[in-house]
Amino acid sequence: MRCIVLKNGAVNMLLSWGYPSSEDYCTLHTTVGSFLDCLNLCLGKGTCMLAYGSDENCNLCDIYTTSSINQRTASDGIQIGVKDTSDSYTLSYTDPAWTIAYDKKCIDDSWKMFIRPQGGACLKVSKMPGLNQTDSGTFCKENGAGYELSGMQFKMEWSYIMESARALIGSVPTRDYTTVWLGGTMRTYCYPDNRPSNCTGIQAFENFPYQDNFDAYVFTPGSPNFTRPYPGQDYYNACLQLNLKQNKEAWDGKVTNVMCQFSCNGGTAICAVAYACVGLAI
């Protein structure tokens, strides 16, 4: 790889020909002009670690999303630029690939690391039918200090949770949807009685560990639901679940707020069978 300093900042980019070994959690951006525009786009995005593509397309990958880079030649036409930030990761070359070693790691390889405001954060989806939200959170805490039910910082985390849950859960023909417990609980002042006008969408919820972005949340029609499920009883739709299609698919990938105390929502057609945990990398 060769090193240059780009015009919009004193940040070194290591340039070569190639592409990351895993592209699952990289995002495609359209560019106008040269591949230099793609590199500048990565430089302007704090979480971006590398950019690859050509003058016609641009793909950005955040830190922790890939572990190696396949070295290619100019004849393949795919360029790659990697930020030279040695305090977060190191690069080593063994023909024909570059290996990326990060300064942080997860408990084990069953967890996937993503970038959060506090640094590397590890996510994992586990299957356990019949759990309510509290029990799911308890299982997350058993992984160690600071582990909680996870929200979704970016769309790539949404993709990871959806893909992991699909692989774990599979087909459940007796359900309309199966769901994954997420972090987040309704703010108490947003409960049905005397609810203020600012309780809309994801703003009605709090307690999202290590999270400050909520673009990945798309609610089902009519959600958040602020009605009291059982009038006269202290049950509220105060917790969040991510829906996966089974017999129905309109809500697939969307979020619903439900009662925290029960694994199934509205009878047995929609039931939680998994939960997502997050904790800071070590």
C-alpha atoms as a PDB file:
ATOM      1  CA  MET A   1       0.000   0.000   0.000  1.00  0.00           C
ATOM      2  CA  ARG A   2       1.101   3.544  -0.613  1.00  0.00           C
ATOM      3  CA  CYS A   3       0.382   6.520   1.638  1.00  0.00           C
ATOM      4  CA  ILE A   4      -0.944   9.955   0.674  1.00  0.00           C
ATOM      5  CA  VAL A   5      -2.339  12.943   2.556  1.00  0.00           C
ATOM      6  CA  LEU A   6      -5.726  14.030   1.244  1.00  0.00           C
ATOM      7  CA  LYS A   7      -6.513  17.677   0.671  1.00  0.00           C
ATOM      8  CA  ASN A   8      -9.291  18.077   3.261  1.00  0.00           C
ATOM      9  CA  GLY A   9      -7.296  17.173   6.316  1.00  0.00           C
ATOM     10  CA  ALA A  10      -3.958  15.927   7.608  1.00  0.00           C
ATOM     11  CA  VAL A  11      -5.127  12.312   7.719  1.00  0.00           C
ATOM     12  CA  ASN A  12      -3.084   9.655   5.979  1.00  0.00           C
ATOM     13  CA  MET A  13      -4.853   7.176   3.716  1.00  0.00           C
ATOM     14  CA  LEU A  14      -3.166   3.933   2.708  1.00  0.00           C
ATOM     15  CA  LEU A  15      -4.069   3.319  -0.929  1.00  0.00           C
ATOM     16  CA  SER A  16      -3.994   0.107  -2.910  1.00  0.00           C
ATOM     17  CA  TRP A  17      -6.036  -2.152  -5.169  1.00  0.00           C
ATOM     18  CA  GLY A  18      -8.440  -4.559  -3.505  1.00  0.00           C
ATOM     19  CA  TYR A  19     -11.562  -4.924  -1.421  1.00  0.00           C
ATOM     20  CA  PRO A  20     -12.541  -6.032   2.111  1.00  0.00           C
ATOM     21  CA  SER A  21     -13.056  -9.734   2.766  1.00  0.00           C
ATOM     22  CA  SER A  22     -16.515  -9.019   4.174  1.00  0.00           C
ATOM     23  CA  GLU A  23     -18.794  -6.440   2.582  1.00  0.00           C
ATOM     24  CA  ASP A  24     -21.931  -7.324   4.546  1.00  0.00           C
ATOM     25  CA  TYR A  25     -21.911  -4.197   6.692  1.00  0.00           C
ATOM     26  CA  CYS A  26     -20.457  -1.696   4.236  1.00  0.00           C
ATOM     27  CA  THR A  27     -22.665   0.915   2.583  1.00  0.00           C
ATOM     28  CA  LEU A  28     -22.840   1.997  -1.053  1.00  0.00           C
ATOM     29  CA  HIS A  29     -22.671   5.706  -1.838  1.00  0.00           C
ATOM     30  CA  THR A  30     -22.959   7.371  -5.234  1.00  0.00           C
ATOM     31  CA  THR A  31     -20.093   9.662  -6.180  1.00  0.00           C
ATOM     32  CA  VAL A  32     -19.439  12.225  -8.868  1.00  0.00           C
ATOM     33  CA  GLY A  33     -15.920  12.587 -10.219  1.00  0.00           C
ATOM     34  CA  SER A  34     -12.957  10.500  -9.187  1.00  0.00           C
ATOM     35  CA  PHE A  35     -12.317   7.928  -6.491  1.00  0.00           C
ATOM     36  CA  LEU A  36     -10.787  10.810  -4.539  1.00  0.00           C
ATOM     37  CA  ASP A  37     -14.334  11.984  -3.781  1.00  0.00           C
ATOM     38  CA  CYS A  38     -15.000   8.615  -2.197  1.00  0.00           C
ATOM     39  CA  LEU A  39     -11.892   8.907  -0.031  1.00  0.00           C
ATOM     40  CA  ASN A  40     -12.903  12.387   1.073  1.00  0.00           C
ATOM     41  CA  LEU A  41     -16.348  11.068   1.955  1.00  0.00           C
ATOM     42  CA  CYS A  42     -14.732   8.498   4.245  1.00  0.00           C
ATOM     43  CA  LEU A  43     -12.501  11.151   5.797  1.00  0.00           C
ATOM     44  CA  GLY A  44     -15.542  13.266   6.593  1.00  0.00           C
ATOM     45  CA  LYS A  45     -17.259  10.388   8.381  1.00  0.00           C
ATOM     46  CA  GLY A  46     -15.738   9.791  11.788  1.00  0.00           C
ATOM     47  CA  THR A  47     -16.702   6.123  12.001  1.00  0.00           C
ATOM     48  CA  CYS A  48     -15.446   5.241   8.501  1.00  0.00           C
ATOM     49  CA  MET A  49     -12.303   3.101   8.364  1.00  0.00           C
ATOM     50  CA  LEU A  50     -11.965   2.384   4.648  1.00  0.00           C
ATOM     51  CA  ALA A  51     -13.410   3.226   1.254  1.00  0.00           C
ATOM     52  CA  TYR A  52     -13.277   1.072  -1.856  1.00  0.00           C
ATOM     53  CA  GLY A  53     -14.672   1.171  -5.375  1.00  0.00           C
ATOM     54  CA  SER A  54     -13.937   3.187  -8.507  1.00  0.00           C
ATOM     55  CA  ASP A  55     -14.830   6.480 -10.143  1.00  0.00           C
ATOM     56  CA  GLU A  56     -18.325   5.072 -10.712  1.00  0.00           C
ATOM     57  CA  ASN A  57     -19.144   3.738  -7.250  1.00  0.00           C
ATOM     58  CA  CYS A  58     -18.094   4.204  -3.653  1.00  0.00           C
ATOM     59  CA  ASN A  59     -18.434   1.840  -0.696  1.00  0.00           C
ATOM     60  CA  LEU A  60     -17.702   2.897   2.882  1.00  0.00           C
ATOM     61  CA  CYS A  61     -16.939   0.499   5.738  1.00  0.00           C
ATOM     62  CA  ASP A  62     -16.965   1.509   9.379  1.00  0.00           C
ATOM     63  CA  ILE A  63     -14.289   0.385  11.791  1.00  0.00           C
ATOM     64  CA  TYR A  64     -14.739  -3.158  13.161  1.00  0.00           C
ATOM     65  CA  THR A  65     -16.867  -4.306  10.201  1.00  0.00           C
ATOM     66  CA  THR A  66     -14.146  -6.255   8.381  1.00  0.00           C
ATOM     67  CA  SER A  67     -11.080  -8.239   9.416  1.00  0.00           C
ATOM     68  CA  SER A  68      -9.024  -8.464   6.224  1.00  0.00           C
ATOM     69  CA  ILE A  69      -8.473  -6.933   2.789  1.00  0.00           C
ATOM     70  CA  ASN A  70      -7.985  -8.966  -0.375  1.00  0.00           C
ATOM     71  CA  GLN A  71      -5.035  -7.511  -2.286  1.00  0.00           C
ATOM     72  CA  ARG A  72      -5.688  -7.184  -6.048  1.00  0.00           C
ATOM     73  CA  THR A  73      -4.077  -5.442  -9.019  1.00  0.00           C
ATOM     74  CA  ALA A  74      -4.935  -2.423 -11.133  1.00  0.00           C
ATOM     75  CA  SER A  75      -6.393  -4.706 -13.796  1.00  0.00           C
ATOM     76  CA  ASP A  76      -9.312  -5.456 -11.459  1.00  0.00           C
ATOM     77  CA  GLY A  77     -10.174  -1.771 -11.272  1.00  0.00           C
ATOM     78  CA  ILE A  78     -11.148  -1.755  -7.580  1.00  0.00           C
ATOM     79  CA  GLN A  79      -9.275   0.787  -5.459  1.00  0.00           C
ATOM     80  CA  ILE A  80      -9.216   0.841  -1.676  1.00  0.00           C
ATOM     81  CA  GLY A  81      -8.156   3.458   0.847  1.00  0.00           C
ATOM     82  CA  VAL A  82      -7.673   2.751   4.552  1.00  0.00           C
ATOM     83  CA  LYS A  83      -7.365   5.434   7.220  1.00  0.00           C
ATOM     84  CA  ASP A  84      -3.981   5.306   8.901  1.00  0.00           C
ATOM     85  CA  THR A  85      -5.137   5.470  12.525  1.00  0.00           C
ATOM     86  CA  SER A  86      -2.726   3.132  14.244  1.00  0.00           C
ATOM     87  CA  ASP A  87      -4.246   3.749  17.673  1.00  0.00           C
ATOM     88  CA  SER A  88      -7.335   1.714  16.696  1.00  0.00           C
ATOM     89  CA  TYR A  89      -5.978  -1.106  14.538  1.00  0.00           C
ATOM     90  CA  THR A  90      -2.871  -2.449  12.827  1.00  0.00           C
ATOM     91  CA  LEU A  91      -2.353  -3.897   9.346  1.00  0.00           C
ATOM     92  CA  SER A  92      -0.113  -6.843   8.487  1.00  0.00           C
ATOM     93  CA  TYR A  93       0.402  -8.440   5.084  1.00  0.00           C
ATOM     94  CA  THR A  94       0.627 -12.110   4.176  1.00  0.00           C
ATOM     95  CA  ASP A  95       0.185 -12.738   0.467  1.00  0.00           C
ATOM     96  CA  PRO A  96      -2.480 -12.269  -0.857  1.00  0.00           C
ATOM     97  CA  ALA A  97      -4.295 -10.412   1.940  1.00  0.00           C
ATOM     98  CA  TRP A  98      -3.936  -7.721   4.573  1.00  0.00           C
ATOM     99  CA  THR A  99      -5.060  -8.716   8.068  1.00  0.00           C
ATOM    100  CA  ILE A 100      -6.635  -6.094  10.331  1.00  0.00           C
ATOM    101  CA  ALA A 101      -6.019  -6.471  14.075  1.00  0.00           C
ATOM    102  CA  TYR A 102      -8.144  -4.212  16.276  1.00  0.00           C
ATOM    103  CA  ASP A 103      -7.274  -2.789  19.662  1.00  0.00           C
ATOM    104  CA  LYS A 104     -10.580  -4.101  21.047  1.00  0.00           C
ATOM    105  CA  LYS A 105     -12.245  -7.502  21.034  1.00  0.00           C
ATOM    106  CA  CYS A 106     -15.480  -9.187  22.065  1.00  0.00           C
ATOM    107  CA  ILE A 107     -15.946 -11.948  24.626  1.00  0.00           C
ATOM    108  CA  ASP A 108     -15.698 -14.533  21.854  1.00  0.00           C
ATOM    109  CA  ASP A 109     -16.305 -14.917  18.125  1.00  0.00           C
ATOM    110  CA  SER A 110     -20.055 -15.382  18.556  1.00  0.00           C
ATOM    111  CA  TRP A 111     -20.340 -11.605  19.082  1.00  0.00           C
ATOM    112  CA  LYS A 112     -20.098  -8.968  16.334  1.00  0.00           C
ATOM    113  CA  MET A 113     -18.319  -5.672  16.982  1.00  0.00           C
ATOM    114  CA  PHE A 114     -19.700  -2.342  15.756  1.00  0.00           C
ATOM    115  CA  ILE A 115     -18.739   1.239  16.454  1.00  0.00           C
ATOM    116  CA  ARG A 116     -20.687   3.142  19.132  1.00  0.00           C
ATOM    117  CA  PRO A 117     -20.021   6.606  20.626  1.00  0.00           C
ATOM    118  CA  GLN A 118     -17.944   4.996  23.398  1.00  0.00           C
ATOM    119  CA  GLY A 119     -15.884   2.908  20.937  1.00  0.00           C
ATOM    120  CA  GLY A 120     -16.198  -0.735  19.981  1.00  0.00           C
ATOM    121  CA  ALA A 121     -19.412  -2.395  21.129  1.00  0.00           C
ATOM    122  CA  CYS A 122     -20.250  -6.089  20.826  1.00  0.00           C
ATOM    123  CA  LEU A 123     -23.684  -7.312  19.746  1.00  0.00           C
ATOM    124  CA  LYS A 124     -25.211 -10.774  19.842  1.00  0.00           C
ATOM    125  CA  VAL A 125     -28.654 -12.225  19.204  1.00  0.00           C
ATOM    126  CA  SER A 126     -29.683 -15.234  21.296  1.00  0.00           C
ATOM    127  CA  LYS A 127     -32.702 -17.496  20.904  1.00  0.00           C
ATOM    128  CA  MET A 128     -34.839 -18.173  23.972  1.00  0.00           C
ATOM    129  CA  PRO A 129     -38.615 -18.499  23.421  1.00  0.00           C
ATOM    130  CA  GLY A 130     -40.994 -17.498  26.194  1.00  0.00           C
ATOM    131  CA  LEU A 131     -38.931 -14.737  27.813  1.00  0.00           C
ATOM    132  CA  ASN A 132     -40.353 -11.378  28.774  1.00  0.00           C
ATOM    133  CA  GLN A 133     -38.308  -8.204  28.507  1.00  0.00           C
ATOM    134  CA  THR A 134     -37.018  -8.291  32.083  1.00  0.00           C
ATOM    135  CA  ASP A 135     -35.818 -11.884  31.814  1.00  0.00           C
ATOM    136  CA  SER A 136     -34.114 -11.112  28.502  1.00  0.00           C
ATOM    137  CA  GLY A 137     -32.280  -8.202  30.087  1.00  0.00           C
ATOM    138  CA  THR A 138     -31.187 -10.453  32.946  1.00  0.00           C
ATOM    139  CA  PHE A 139     -29.658 -12.919  30.499  1.00  0.00           C
ATOM    140  CA  CYS A 140     -27.765 -10.056  28.841  1.00  0.00           C
ATOM    141  CA  LYS A 141     -26.354  -8.936  32.197  1.00  0.00           C
ATOM    142  CA  GLU A 142     -24.997 -12.434  32.819  1.00  0.00           C
ATOM    143  CA  ASN A 143     -22.399 -11.789  30.096  1.00  0.00           C
ATOM    144  CA  GLY A 144     -20.616  -9.307  32.350  1.00  0.00           C
ATOM    145  CA  ALA A 145     -20.621  -5.777  33.706  1.00  0.00           C
ATOM    146  CA  GLY A 146     -22.219  -3.276  31.357  1.00  0.00           C
ATOM    147  CA  TYR A 147     -24.101  -5.771  29.200  1.00  0.00           C
ATOM    148  CA  GLU A 148     -27.701  -4.799  28.461  1.00  0.00           C
ATOM    149  CA  LEU A 149     -30.453  -5.323  25.929  1.00  0.00           C
ATOM    150  CA  SER A 150     -29.295  -3.672  22.727  1.00  0.00           C
ATOM    151  CA  GLY A 151     -30.834  -1.039  20.543  1.00  0.00           C
ATOM    152  CA  MET A 152     -29.776  -0.266  16.960  1.00  0.00           C
ATOM    153  CA  GLN A 153     -27.219   2.516  16.490  1.00  0.00           C
ATOM    154  CA  PHE A 154     -27.118   2.336  12.690  1.00  0.00           C
ATOM    155  CA  LYS A 155     -28.841   0.474   9.857  1.00  0.00           C
ATOM    156  CA  MET A 156     -25.974  -2.032   9.733  1.00  0.00           C
ATOM    157  CA  GLU A 157     -26.811  -3.107  13.292  1.00  0.00           C
ATOM    158  CA  TRP A 158     -30.433  -3.531  12.237  1.00  0.00           C
ATOM    159  CA  SER A 159     -29.211  -5.748   9.377  1.00  0.00           C
ATOM    160  CA  TYR A 160     -27.056  -7.799  11.737  1.00  0.00           C
ATOM    161  CA  ILE A 161     -29.890  -8.356  14.225  1.00  0.00           C
ATOM    162  CA  MET A 162     -32.338  -9.276  11.457  1.00  0.00           C
ATOM    163  CA  GLU A 163     -29.935 -11.694   9.755  1.00  0.00           C
ATOM    164  CA  SER A 164     -28.862 -13.309  13.020  1.00  0.00           C
ATOM    165  CA  ALA A 165     -32.444 -13.699  14.214  1.00  0.00           C
ATOM    166  CA  ARG A 166     -33.582 -15.226  10.923  1.00  0.00           C
ATOM    167  CA  ALA A 167     -30.785 -17.784  11.073  1.00  0.00           C
ATOM    168  CA  LEU A 168     -31.559 -18.666  14.695  1.00  0.00           C
ATOM    169  CA  ILE A 169     -35.349 -18.697  14.537  1.00  0.00           C
ATOM    170  CA  GLY A 170     -36.106 -20.078  11.094  1.00  0.00           C
ATOM    171  CA  SER A 171     -39.689 -20.800  10.084  1.00  0.00           C
ATOM    172  CA  VAL A 172     -42.428 -20.765  12.738  1.00  0.00           C
ATOM    173  CA  PRO A 173     -45.685 -21.451  10.847  1.00  0.00           C
ATOM    174  CA  THR A 174     -47.828 -21.087  13.978  1.00  0.00           C
ATOM    175  CA  ARG A 175     -46.973 -17.363  14.270  1.00  0.00           C
ATOM    176  CA  ASP A 176     -47.759 -14.283  12.210  1.00  0.00           C
ATOM    177  CA  TYR A 177     -44.467 -12.768  13.398  1.00  0.00           C
ATOM    178  CA  THR A 178     -41.642 -13.737  15.683  1.00  0.00           C
ATOM    179  CA  THR A 179     -39.857 -10.929  17.484  1.00  0.00           C
ATOM    180  CA  VAL A 180     -36.571  -9.939  19.101  1.00  0.00           C
ATOM    181  CA  TRP A 181     -36.484  -8.009  22.373  1.00  0.00           C
ATOM    182  CA  LEU A 182     -34.574  -4.723  22.044  1.00  0.00           C
ATOM    183  CA  GLY A 183     -33.363  -2.204  24.595  1.00  0.00           C
ATOM    184  CA  GLY A 184     -35.353   0.917  25.372  1.00  0.00           C
ATOM    185  CA  THR A 185     -38.362   1.619  27.598  1.00  0.00           C
ATOM    186  CA  MET A 186     -41.129   4.187  27.390  1.00  0.00           C
ATOM    187  CA  ARG A 187     -40.555   7.392  29.322  1.00  0.00           C
ATOM    188  CA  THR A 188     -42.913   7.425  32.293  1.00  0.00           C
ATOM    189  CA  TYR A 189     -44.329  10.822  31.330  1.00  0.00           C
ATOM    190  CA  CYS A 190     -45.347   9.296  27.983  1.00  0.00           C
ATOM    191  CA  TYR A 191     -47.693   6.775  29.593  1.00  0.00           C
ATOM    192  CA  PRO A 192     -51.296   7.132  28.359  1.00  0.00           C
ATOM    193  CA  ASP A 193     -52.601   9.371  31.126  1.00  0.00           C
ATOM    194  CA  ASN A 194     -51.871  13.082  30.476  1.00  0.00           C
ATOM    195  CA  ARG A 195     -49.285  12.321  27.794  1.00  0.00           C
ATOM    196  CA  PRO A 196     -47.483  15.470  26.499  1.00  0.00           C
ATOM    197  CA  SER A 197     -47.308  16.261  22.792  1.00  0.00           C
ATOM    198  CA  ASN A 198     -43.559  15.579  22.486  1.00  0.00           C
ATOM    199  CA  CYS A 199     -44.049  11.823  23.046  1.00  0.00           C
ATOM    200  CA  THR A 200     -43.793  10.841  19.395  1.00  0.00           C
ATOM    201  CA  GLY A 201     -41.910   8.006  17.721  1.00  0.00           C
ATOM    202  CA  ILE A 202     -38.643   6.924  19.272  1.00  0.00           C
ATOM    203  CA  GLN A 203     -38.582  10.140  21.341  1.00  0.00           C
ATOM    204  CA  ALA A 204     -41.127   8.502  23.645  1.00  0.00           C
ATOM    205  CA  PHE A 205     -38.481   5.988  24.770  1.00  0.00           C
ATOM    206  CA  GLU A 206     -35.244   6.054  26.762  1.00  0.00           C
ATOM    207  CA  ASN A 207     -32.621   3.723  28.264  1.00  0.00           C
ATOM    208  CA  PHE A 208     -30.642   2.886  25.139  1.00  0.00           C
ATOM    209  CA  PRO A 209     -27.152   1.872  26.334  1.00  0.00           C
ATOM    210  CA  TYR A 210     -24.174   3.226  24.376  1.00  0.00           C
ATOM    211  CA  GLN A 211     -26.459   4.734  21.724  1.00  0.00           C
ATOM    212  CA  ASP A 212     -27.072   8.214  20.334  1.00  0.00           C
ATOM    213  CA  ASN A 213     -28.516   7.575  16.862  1.00  0.00           C
ATOM    214  CA  PHE A 214     -31.964   6.171  16.052  1.00  0.00           C
ATOM    215  CA  ASP A 215     -32.246   6.300  12.256  1.00  0.00           C
ATOM    216  CA  ALA A 216     -32.699   2.517  12.023  1.00  0.00           C
ATOM    217  CA  TYR A 217     -36.031   2.541  13.874  1.00  0.00           C
ATOM    218  CA  VAL A 218     -39.123   2.215  11.672  1.00  0.00           C
ATOM    219  CA  PHE A 219     -42.326   1.617  13.613  1.00  0.00           C
ATOM    220  CA  THR A 220     -45.263  -0.477  12.471  1.00  0.00           C
ATOM    221  CA  PRO A 221     -48.440   1.425  11.495  1.00  0.00           C
ATOM    222  CA  GLY A 222     -50.140   2.758  14.611  1.00  0.00           C
ATOM    223  CA  SER A 223     -46.992   2.470  16.709  1.00  0.00           C
ATOM    224  CA  PRO A 224     -45.914   3.650  19.148  1.00  0.00           C
ATOM    225  CA  ASN A 225     -49.183   2.611  20.736  1.00  0.00           C
ATOM    226  CA  PHE A 226     -49.973   4.691  23.824  1.00  0.00           C
ATOM    227  CA  THR A 227     -53.248   3.042  24.816  1.00  0.00           C
ATOM    228  CA  ARG A 228     -53.571   1.156  28.097  1.00  0.00           C
ATOM    229  CA  PRO A 229     -53.912  -2.554  27.139  1.00  0.00           C
ATOM    230  CA  TYR A 230     -55.946  -3.434  30.236  1.00  0.00           C
ATOM    231  CA  PRO A 231     -57.877  -0.446  31.644  1.00  0.00           C
ATOM    232  CA  GLY A 232     -57.529  -0.220  35.396  1.00  0.00           C
ATOM    233  CA  GLN A 233     -54.295  -2.244  35.471  1.00  0.00           C
ATOM    234  CA  ASP A 234     -50.728  -0.969  35.434  1.00  0.00           C
ATOM    235  CA  TYR A 235     -49.709  -2.565  32.150  1.00  0.00           C
ATOM    236  CA  TYR A 236     -48.293  -0.369  29.423  1.00  0.00           C
ATOM    237  CA  ASN A 237     -46.822  -0.896  25.971  1.00  0.00           C
ATOM    238  CA  ALA A 238     -43.498   0.255  27.364  1.00  0.00           C
ATOM    239  CA  CYS A 239     -40.933  -2.049  25.686  1.00  0.00           C
ATOM    240  CA  LEU A 240     -39.667  -2.551  22.142  1.00  0.00           C
ATOM    241  CA  GLN A 241     -39.552  -5.566  19.842  1.00  0.00           C
ATOM    242  CA  LEU A 242     -38.238  -6.037  16.298  1.00  0.00           C
ATOM    243  CA  ASN A 243     -40.571  -8.045  14.041  1.00  0.00           C
ATOM    244  CA  LEU A 244     -39.591 -10.890  11.706  1.00  0.00           C
ATOM    245  CA  LYS A 245     -42.076 -12.202   9.171  1.00  0.00           C
ATOM    246  CA  GLN A 246     -43.640 -15.641   9.488  1.00  0.00           C
ATOM    247  CA  ASN A 247     -47.219 -16.029   8.170  1.00  0.00           C
ATOM    248  CA  LYS A 248     -47.446 -12.268   7.573  1.00  0.00           C
ATOM    249  CA  GLU A 249     -44.786  -9.872   6.287  1.00  0.00           C
ATOM    250  CA  ALA A 250     -46.059  -6.265   6.351  1.00  0.00           C
ATOM    251  CA  TRP A 251     -44.300  -5.616   9.685  1.00  0.00           C
ATOM    252  CA  ASP A 252     -41.074  -7.421   8.798  1.00  0.00           C
ATOM    253  CA  GLY A 253     -38.065  -5.462  10.054  1.00  0.00           C
ATOM    254  CA  LYS A 254     -40.202  -2.900  11.848  1.00  0.00           C
ATOM    255  CA  VAL A 255     -40.429  -2.041  15.541  1.00  0.00           C
ATOM    256  CA  THR A 256     -43.472  -2.363  17.801  1.00  0.00           C
ATOM    257  CA  ASN A 257     -43.923  -1.256  21.399  1.00  0.00           C
ATOM    258  CA  VAL A 258     -45.475  -3.952  23.557  1.00  0.00           C
ATOM    259  CA  MET A 259     -46.085  -4.890  27.178  1.00  0.00           C
ATOM    260  CA  CYS A 260     -42.809  -5.759  28.894  1.00  0.00           C
ATOM    261  CA  GLN A 261     -44.312  -8.452  31.102  1.00  0.00           C
ATOM    262  CA  PHE A 262     -45.329 -10.940  28.406  1.00  0.00           C
ATOM    263  CA  SER A 263     -43.489 -12.763  25.624  1.00  0.00           C
ATOM    264  CA  CYS A 264     -46.513 -12.761  23.301  1.00  0.00           C
ATOM    265  CA  ASN A 265     -48.312  -9.673  22.066  1.00  0.00           C
ATOM    266  CA  GLY A 266     -52.057  -9.913  21.455  1.00  0.00           C
ATOM    267  CA  GLY A 267     -52.606 -13.628  21.962  1.00  0.00           C
ATOM    268  CA  THR A 268     -50.098 -16.029  20.412  1.00  0.00           C
ATOM    269  CA  ALA A 269     -49.832 -14.647  16.873  1.00  0.00           C
ATOM    270  CA  ILE A 270     -46.808 -12.463  17.686  1.00  0.00           C
ATOM    271  CA  CYS A 271     -44.282 -13.792  20.178  1.00  0.00           C
ATOM    272  CA  ALA A 272     -40.733 -12.967  21.239  1.00  0.00           C
ATOM    273  CA  VAL A 273     -38.326 -15.846  20.722  1.00  0.00           C
ATOM    274  CA  ALA A 274     -34.976 -14.014  20.837  1.00  0.00           C
ATOM    275  CA  TYR A 275     -33.201 -11.038  22.367  1.00  0.00           C
ATOM    276  CA  ALA A 276     -30.287  -8.788  21.378  1.00  0.00           C
ATOM    277  CA  CYS A 277     -27.507  -7.891  23.835  1.00  0.00           C
ATOM    278  CA  VAL A 278     -24.774  -5.258  23.727  1.00  0.00           C
ATOM    279  CA  GLY A 279     -21.674  -4.555  25.803  1.00  0.00           C
ATOM    280  CA  LEU A 280     -18.502  -2.551  25.309  1.00  0.00           C
ATOM    281  CA  ALA A 281     -15.566  -4.354  23.737  1.00  0.00           C
ATOM    282  CA  ILE A 282     -12.574  -5.111  25.946  1.00  0.00           C
END
